[in-house]
Protein backbone atom coordinates (compact mmCIF):
# COMPACT_ATOMS: atom_id res chain seq x y z
CA UNK A 1 0.00 0.00 0.00
CA UNK A 2 2.75 2.49 0.94
CA UNK A 3 4.69 1.54 -2.19
CA UNK A 4 1.63 2.23 -4.35
CA UNK A 5 1.22 5.67 -2.76
CA UNK A 6 4.90 6.47 -3.36
CA UNK A 7 4.69 5.37 -6.99
CA UNK A 8 1.56 7.49 -7.50
CA UNK A 9 3.37 10.49 -6.02
CA UNK A 10 6.39 9.96 -8.25
CA UNK A 11 4.13 9.75 -11.29
CA UNK A 12 3.14 13.35 -10.54
CA UNK A 13 6.80 14.35 -10.36
CA UNK A 14 7.20 15.32 -14.02
CA UNK A 15 7.84 19.06 -14.29
CA UNK A 16 5.29 21.27 -16.00
CA UNK A 17 5.99 22.42 -19.56
CA UNK A 18 7.42 25.82 -18.55
CA UNK A 19 9.14 24.63 -15.40
CA UNK A 20 12.53 23.80 -16.89
CA UNK A 21 12.89 27.26 -18.42
CA UNK A 22 12.57 29.00 -15.03
CA UNK A 23 14.50 26.53 -12.86
CA UNK A 24 17.55 28.02 -11.11
CA UNK A 25 20.91 26.86 -12.44
CA UNK A 26 24.40 26.77 -11.04
CA UNK A 27 26.99 29.18 -12.45
CA UNK A 28 29.32 27.34 -14.86
CA UNK A 29 32.38 28.00 -12.66
CA UNK A 30 30.78 26.88 -9.36
CA UNK A 31 32.56 23.85 -7.93
CA UNK A 32 30.22 22.48 -5.28
CA UNK A 33 26.90 23.54 -6.79
CA UNK A 34 23.96 21.38 -7.86
CA UNK A 35 20.52 22.19 -9.19
CA UNK A 36 17.40 20.06 -8.94
CA UNK A 37 13.72 20.35 -9.75
CA UNK A 38 10.63 18.24 -9.23
CA UNK A 39 7.36 17.78 -7.37
CA UNK A 40 7.37 18.16 -3.59
CA UNK A 41 6.80 14.78 -1.93
CA UNK A 42 7.58 15.71 1.71
CA UNK A 43 8.43 18.74 3.88
CA UNK A 44 9.75 19.65 7.28
CA UNK A 45 8.16 23.01 8.10
CA UNK A 46 9.46 23.23 11.67
CA UNK A 47 13.18 22.58 11.90
CA UNK A 48 14.35 20.98 15.17
CA UNK A 49 17.28 23.39 15.50
CA UNK A 50 14.90 26.37 15.44
CA UNK A 51 16.65 28.45 12.78
CA UNK A 52 13.45 28.89 10.75
CA UNK A 53 14.51 27.15 7.57
CA UNK A 54 12.29 24.91 5.47
CA UNK A 55 13.30 21.46 4.22
CA UNK A 56 11.60 20.38 1.01
CA UNK A 57 11.96 16.86 -0.44
CA UNK A 58 11.46 16.70 -4.19
CA UNK A 59 11.20 13.81 -6.63
CA UNK A 60 14.10 14.73 -8.89
CA UNK A 61 17.78 15.53 -8.99
CA UNK A 62 19.28 12.44 -7.27
CA UNK A 63 21.36 14.49 -4.82
CA UNK A 64 20.13 12.85 -1.59
CA UNK A 65 19.03 9.46 -2.95
CA UNK A 66 18.43 8.14 -6.47
CA UNK A 67 15.59 10.30 -7.80
CA UNK A 68 15.25 12.29 -4.55
CA UNK A 69 16.71 15.64 -3.45
CA UNK A 70 16.36 17.63 -0.23
CA UNK A 71 16.32 21.42 -0.63
CA UNK A 72 17.29 23.39 2.50
CA UNK A 73 15.57 26.79 2.19
CA UNK A 74 16.88 29.44 4.59
CA UNK A 75 14.52 31.71 6.50
CA UNK A 76 15.58 34.57 4.20
CA UNK A 77 14.47 32.66 1.06
CA UNK A 78 11.42 31.00 2.59
CA UNK A 79 8.19 32.04 0.81
CA UNK A 80 5.39 33.83 2.71
CA UNK A 81 3.14 30.80 2.16
CA UNK A 82 4.79 27.44 2.55
CA UNK A 83 4.45 25.21 -0.50
CA UNK A 84 2.30 22.08 -0.39
CA UNK A 85 2.83 18.46 -1.28
CA UNK A 86 2.47 18.18 -5.06
CA UNK A 87 3.71 21.72 -5.80
CA UNK A 88 6.72 22.09 -8.10
CA UNK A 89 10.03 23.30 -6.65
CA UNK A 90 13.48 23.96 -8.01
CA UNK A 91 16.65 25.09 -6.31
CA UNK A 92 20.35 25.56 -6.84
CA UNK A 93 23.23 25.94 -4.42
CA UNK A 94 26.09 24.17 -2.69
CA UNK A 95 25.69 20.61 -1.44
CA UNK A 96 26.35 19.93 2.24
CA UNK A 97 25.52 17.20 4.74
CA UNK A 98 22.37 17.65 6.80
CA UNK A 99 21.90 16.81 10.48
CA UNK A 100 21.18 13.15 9.64
CA UNK A 101 24.18 12.85 7.31
CA UNK A 102 22.11 13.22 4.13
CA UNK A 103 23.39 15.23 1.17
CA UNK A 104 21.17 18.27 0.53
CA UNK A 105 21.23 21.47 -1.49
CA UNK A 106 21.57 24.60 0.64
CA UNK A 107 19.69 26.71 -1.88
CA UNK A 108 20.87 30.19 -2.82
CA UNK A 109 18.17 30.37 -5.52
CA UNK A 110 14.78 28.69 -5.23
CA UNK A 111 11.47 28.75 -7.11
CA UNK A 112 8.10 27.30 -6.06
CA UNK A 113 5.10 26.86 -8.32
CA UNK A 114 1.71 25.70 -7.01
CA UNK A 115 0.24 22.55 -8.51
CA UNK A 116 -2.76 23.12 -10.72
CA UNK A 117 -5.73 21.67 -8.94
C-alpha atoms as a PDB file:
ATOM      1  CA  UNK A   1       0.000   0.000   0.000  1.00  0.00           C
ATOM      2  CA  UNK A   2       2.747   2.494   0.936  1.00  0.00           C
ATOM      3  CA  UNK A   3       4.688   1.536  -2.188  1.00  0.00           C
ATOM      4  CA  UNK A   4       1.632   2.235  -4.355  1.00  0.00           C
ATOM      5  CA  UNK A   5       1.221   5.668  -2.760  1.00  0.00           C
ATOM      6  CA  UNK A   6       4.904   6.469  -3.357  1.00  0.00           C
ATOM      7  CA  UNK A   7       4.685   5.371  -6.993  1.00  0.00           C
ATOM      8  CA  UNK A   8       1.558   7.487  -7.502  1.00  0.00           C
ATOM      9  CA  UNK A   9       3.369  10.494  -6.017  1.00  0.00           C
ATOM     10  CA  UNK A  10       6.392   9.957  -8.246  1.00  0.00           C
ATOM     11  CA  UNK A  11       4.127   9.750 -11.288  1.00  0.00           C
ATOM     12  CA  UNK A  12       3.138  13.355 -10.543  1.00  0.00           C
ATOM     13  CA  UNK A  13       6.801  14.355 -10.359  1.00  0.00           C
ATOM     14  CA  UNK A  14       7.199  15.323 -14.016  1.00  0.00           C
ATOM     15  CA  UNK A  15       7.836  19.065 -14.291  1.00  0.00           C
ATOM     16  CA  UNK A  16       5.288  21.271 -15.997  1.00  0.00           C
ATOM     17  CA  UNK A  17       5.991  22.423 -19.556  1.00  0.00           C
ATOM     18  CA  UNK A  18       7.419  25.823 -18.552  1.00  0.00           C
ATOM     19  CA  UNK A  19       9.140  24.631 -15.400  1.00  0.00           C
ATOM     20  CA  UNK A  20      12.534  23.798 -16.886  1.00  0.00           C
ATOM     21  CA  UNK A  21      12.891  27.261 -18.417  1.00  0.00           C
ATOM     22  CA  UNK A  22      12.569  28.998 -15.025  1.00  0.00           C
ATOM     23  CA  UNK A  23      14.498  26.532 -12.856  1.00  0.00           C
ATOM     24  CA  UNK A  24      17.554  28.021 -11.114  1.00  0.00           C
ATOM     25  CA  UNK A  25      20.908  26.855 -12.437  1.00  0.00           C
ATOM     26  CA  UNK A  26      24.398  26.774 -11.040  1.00  0.00           C
ATOM     27  CA  UNK A  27      26.988  29.179 -12.446  1.00  0.00           C
ATOM     28  CA  UNK A  28      29.319  27.339 -14.856  1.00  0.00           C
ATOM     29  CA  UNK A  29      32.378  27.999 -12.663  1.00  0.00           C
ATOM     30  CA  UNK A  30      30.779  26.877  -9.363  1.00  0.00           C
ATOM     31  CA  UNK A  31      32.560  23.852  -7.931  1.00  0.00           C
ATOM     32  CA  UNK A  32      30.216  22.476  -5.276  1.00  0.00           C
ATOM     33  CA  UNK A  33      26.900  23.540  -6.789  1.00  0.00           C
ATOM     34  CA  UNK A  34      23.962  21.378  -7.859  1.00  0.00           C
ATOM     35  CA  UNK A  35      20.524  22.187  -9.186  1.00  0.00           C
ATOM     36  CA  UNK A  36      17.403  20.059  -8.943  1.00  0.00           C
ATOM     37  CA  UNK A  37      13.716  20.351  -9.746  1.00  0.00           C
ATOM     38  CA  UNK A  38      10.628  18.245  -9.226  1.00  0.00           C
ATOM     39  CA  UNK A  39       7.365  17.781  -7.368  1.00  0.00           C
ATOM     40  CA  UNK A  40       7.367  18.161  -3.593  1.00  0.00           C
ATOM     41  CA  UNK A  41       6.798  14.783  -1.934  1.00  0.00           C
ATOM     42  CA  UNK A  42       7.580  15.713   1.706  1.00  0.00           C
ATOM     43  CA  UNK A  43       8.427  18.736   3.881  1.00  0.00           C
ATOM     44  CA  UNK A  44       9.751  19.655   7.284  1.00  0.00           C
ATOM     45  CA  UNK A  45       8.159  23.011   8.103  1.00  0.00           C
ATOM     46  CA  UNK A  46       9.465  23.232  11.672  1.00  0.00           C
ATOM     47  CA  UNK A  47      13.179  22.584  11.897  1.00  0.00           C
ATOM     48  CA  UNK A  48      14.351  20.978  15.172  1.00  0.00           C
ATOM     49  CA  UNK A  49      17.285  23.390  15.504  1.00  0.00           C
ATOM     50  CA  UNK A  50      14.895  26.369  15.435  1.00  0.00           C
ATOM     51  CA  UNK A  51      16.655  28.451  12.782  1.00  0.00           C
ATOM     52  CA  UNK A  52      13.449  28.889  10.750  1.00  0.00           C
ATOM     53  CA  UNK A  53      14.507  27.152   7.570  1.00  0.00           C
ATOM     54  CA  UNK A  54      12.289  24.908   5.467  1.00  0.00           C
ATOM     55  CA  UNK A  55      13.299  21.456   4.216  1.00  0.00           C
ATOM     56  CA  UNK A  56      11.605  20.378   1.005  1.00  0.00           C
ATOM     57  CA  UNK A  57      11.958  16.860  -0.439  1.00  0.00           C
ATOM     58  CA  UNK A  58      11.460  16.697  -4.191  1.00  0.00           C
ATOM     59  CA  UNK A  59      11.203  13.813  -6.629  1.00  0.00           C
ATOM     60  CA  UNK A  60      14.101  14.727  -8.890  1.00  0.00           C
ATOM     61  CA  UNK A  61      17.782  15.532  -8.992  1.00  0.00           C
ATOM     62  CA  UNK A  62      19.275  12.443  -7.273  1.00  0.00           C
ATOM     63  CA  UNK A  63      21.362  14.489  -4.817  1.00  0.00           C
ATOM     64  CA  UNK A  64      20.128  12.853  -1.589  1.00  0.00           C
ATOM     65  CA  UNK A  65      19.028   9.461  -2.955  1.00  0.00           C
ATOM     66  CA  UNK A  66      18.428   8.139  -6.468  1.00  0.00           C
ATOM     67  CA  UNK A  67      15.585  10.303  -7.804  1.00  0.00           C
ATOM     68  CA  UNK A  68      15.252  12.289  -4.549  1.00  0.00           C
ATOM     69  CA  UNK A  69      16.713  15.644  -3.451  1.00  0.00           C
ATOM     70  CA  UNK A  70      16.360  17.632  -0.226  1.00  0.00           C
ATOM     71  CA  UNK A  71      16.316  21.417  -0.625  1.00  0.00           C
ATOM     72  CA  UNK A  72      17.286  23.387   2.497  1.00  0.00           C
ATOM     73  CA  UNK A  73      15.574  26.787   2.185  1.00  0.00           C
ATOM     74  CA  UNK A  74      16.877  29.438   4.593  1.00  0.00           C
ATOM     75  CA  UNK A  75      14.519  31.711   6.501  1.00  0.00           C
ATOM     76  CA  UNK A  76      15.582  34.569   4.201  1.00  0.00           C
ATOM     77  CA  UNK A  77      14.469  32.660   1.056  1.00  0.00           C
ATOM     78  CA  UNK A  78      11.417  30.997   2.588  1.00  0.00           C
ATOM     79  CA  UNK A  79       8.188  32.038   0.814  1.00  0.00           C
ATOM     80  CA  UNK A  80       5.394  33.826   2.708  1.00  0.00           C
ATOM     81  CA  UNK A  81       3.145  30.801   2.159  1.00  0.00           C
ATOM     82  CA  UNK A  82       4.790  27.435   2.552  1.00  0.00           C
ATOM     83  CA  UNK A  83       4.449  25.212  -0.500  1.00  0.00           C
ATOM     84  CA  UNK A  84       2.295  22.081  -0.388  1.00  0.00           C
ATOM     85  CA  UNK A  85       2.830  18.464  -1.276  1.00  0.00           C
ATOM     86  CA  UNK A  86       2.474  18.176  -5.059  1.00  0.00           C
ATOM     87  CA  UNK A  87       3.706  21.720  -5.804  1.00  0.00           C
ATOM     88  CA  UNK A  88       6.716  22.089  -8.097  1.00  0.00           C
ATOM     89  CA  UNK A  89      10.025  23.295  -6.651  1.00  0.00           C
ATOM     90  CA  UNK A  90      13.483  23.961  -8.007  1.00  0.00           C
ATOM     91  CA  UNK A  91      16.647  25.094  -6.313  1.00  0.00           C
ATOM     92  CA  UNK A  92      20.351  25.562  -6.844  1.00  0.00           C
ATOM     93  CA  UNK A  93      23.234  25.940  -4.422  1.00  0.00           C
ATOM     94  CA  UNK A  94      26.095  24.174  -2.687  1.00  0.00           C
ATOM     95  CA  UNK A  95      25.688  20.609  -1.444  1.00  0.00           C
ATOM     96  CA  UNK A  96      26.345  19.931   2.239  1.00  0.00           C
ATOM     97  CA  UNK A  97      25.522  17.204   4.742  1.00  0.00           C
ATOM     98  CA  UNK A  98      22.368  17.647   6.800  1.00  0.00           C
ATOM     99  CA  UNK A  99      21.902  16.810  10.478  1.00  0.00           C
ATOM    100  CA  UNK A 100      21.176  13.154   9.640  1.00  0.00           C
ATOM    101  CA  UNK A 101      24.176  12.853   7.311  1.00  0.00           C
ATOM    102  CA  UNK A 102      22.111  13.215   4.132  1.00  0.00           C
ATOM    103  CA  UNK A 103      23.388  15.231   1.173  1.00  0.00           C
ATOM    104  CA  UNK A 104      21.172  18.267   0.532  1.00  0.00           C
ATOM    105  CA  UNK A 105      21.233  21.465  -1.494  1.00  0.00           C
ATOM    106  CA  UNK A 106      21.568  24.604   0.643  1.00  0.00           C
ATOM    107  CA  UNK A 107      19.692  26.713  -1.884  1.00  0.00           C
ATOM    108  CA  UNK A 108      20.866  30.194  -2.819  1.00  0.00           C
ATOM    109  CA  UNK A 109      18.173  30.366  -5.519  1.00  0.00           C
ATOM    110  CA  UNK A 110      14.777  28.693  -5.226  1.00  0.00           C
ATOM    111  CA  UNK A 111      11.472  28.748  -7.110  1.00  0.00           C
ATOM    112  CA  UNK A 112       8.096  27.298  -6.064  1.00  0.00           C
ATOM    113  CA  UNK A 113       5.097  26.861  -8.323  1.00  0.00           C
ATOM    114  CA  UNK A 114       1.705  25.701  -7.011  1.00  0.00           C
ATOM    115  CA  UNK A 115       0.239  22.550  -8.513  1.00  0.00           C
ATOM    116  CA  UNK A 116      -2.757  23.120 -10.721  1.00  0.00           C
ATOM    117  CA  UNK A 117      -5.727  21.667  -8.938  1.00  0.00           C
END
